[in-house]
Amino acid sequence: MQTLSDDLLAGAQAAADFSGISTRTIYHLVEAGHLPVIRKGKRLYFRRSELEKAFSSAASSN
């Protein structure tokens, strides 16, 4: 079982590296409401588990 600190990615670049897409696409998906994000001030945080769910459901719907 993952702990919260193991599941958390800090910043769009980390989310992009994890998911294999560009940071620009990450920002676009966040603004469109397609990616779950935690906002703390200007900083964005992503959960690995939520990114995996978001991209696996997107792949299965294609």
Protein backbone atom coordinates (compact mmCIF):
# COMPACT_ATOMS: atom_id res chain seq x y z
CA MET A 1 0.00 0.00 0.00
CA GLN A 2 1.31 3.44 -0.94
CA THR A 3 1.57 6.22 1.57
CA LEU A 4 0.35 9.70 0.63
CA SER A 5 3.91 11.00 0.28
CA ASP A 6 4.74 8.13 -2.10
CA ASP A 7 1.61 8.86 -4.15
CA LEU A 8 2.06 12.64 -4.42
CA LEU A 9 3.78 14.35 -7.34
CA ALA A 10 4.78 18.00 -6.94
CA GLY A 11 4.32 20.11 -10.03
CA ALA A 12 3.19 19.73 -13.61
CA GLN A 13 6.67 18.64 -14.73
CA ALA A 14 6.62 15.67 -12.35
CA ALA A 15 3.13 14.71 -13.57
CA ALA A 16 4.29 15.04 -17.18
CA ASP A 17 7.35 12.88 -16.55
CA PHE A 18 5.22 10.26 -14.81
CA SER A 19 2.53 10.13 -17.49
CA GLY A 20 4.78 10.57 -20.53
CA ILE A 21 3.06 13.67 -21.92
CA SER A 22 4.16 17.30 -22.11
CA THR A 23 3.75 19.81 -19.30
CA ARG A 24 1.69 21.96 -21.67
CA THR A 25 -0.77 19.06 -22.07
CA ILE A 26 -0.88 18.59 -18.29
CA TYR A 27 -1.79 22.26 -17.82
CA HIS A 28 -4.40 22.04 -20.57
CA LEU A 29 -6.01 18.94 -19.04
CA VAL A 30 -6.04 20.56 -15.58
CA GLU A 31 -7.67 23.74 -16.87
CA ALA A 32 -10.25 21.73 -18.79
CA GLY A 33 -11.08 19.78 -15.61
CA HIS A 34 -9.92 16.44 -17.01
CA LEU A 35 -7.16 15.82 -14.46
CA PRO A 36 -7.62 15.84 -10.70
CA VAL A 37 -5.25 18.29 -9.04
CA ILE A 38 -4.54 19.68 -5.58
CA ARG A 39 -3.72 23.38 -5.61
CA LYS A 40 -1.64 24.98 -2.86
CA GLY A 41 -1.11 28.59 -3.83
CA LYS A 42 0.42 28.53 -7.29
CA ARG A 43 1.78 25.01 -6.87
CA LEU A 44 0.01 21.98 -8.34
CA TYR A 45 0.14 18.52 -6.80
CA PHE A 46 -0.99 15.31 -8.45
CA ARG A 47 -1.59 11.83 -7.09
CA ARG A 48 0.05 9.07 -9.08
CA SER A 49 -2.95 6.83 -8.44
CA GLU A 50 -5.35 9.47 -9.83
CA LEU A 51 -3.19 10.03 -12.92
CA GLU A 52 -3.09 6.29 -13.55
CA LYS A 53 -6.89 6.14 -13.29
CA ALA A 54 -7.38 9.17 -15.53
CA PHE A 55 -5.12 7.86 -18.28
CA SER A 56 -6.29 4.26 -18.07
CA SER A 57 -9.93 5.32 -18.42
CA ALA A 58 -9.00 7.59 -21.34
CA ALA A 59 -7.20 4.73 -23.06
CA SER A 60 -10.06 2.29 -22.53
CA SER A 61 -12.63 4.71 -23.96
CA ASN A 62 -10.71 5.07 -27.26
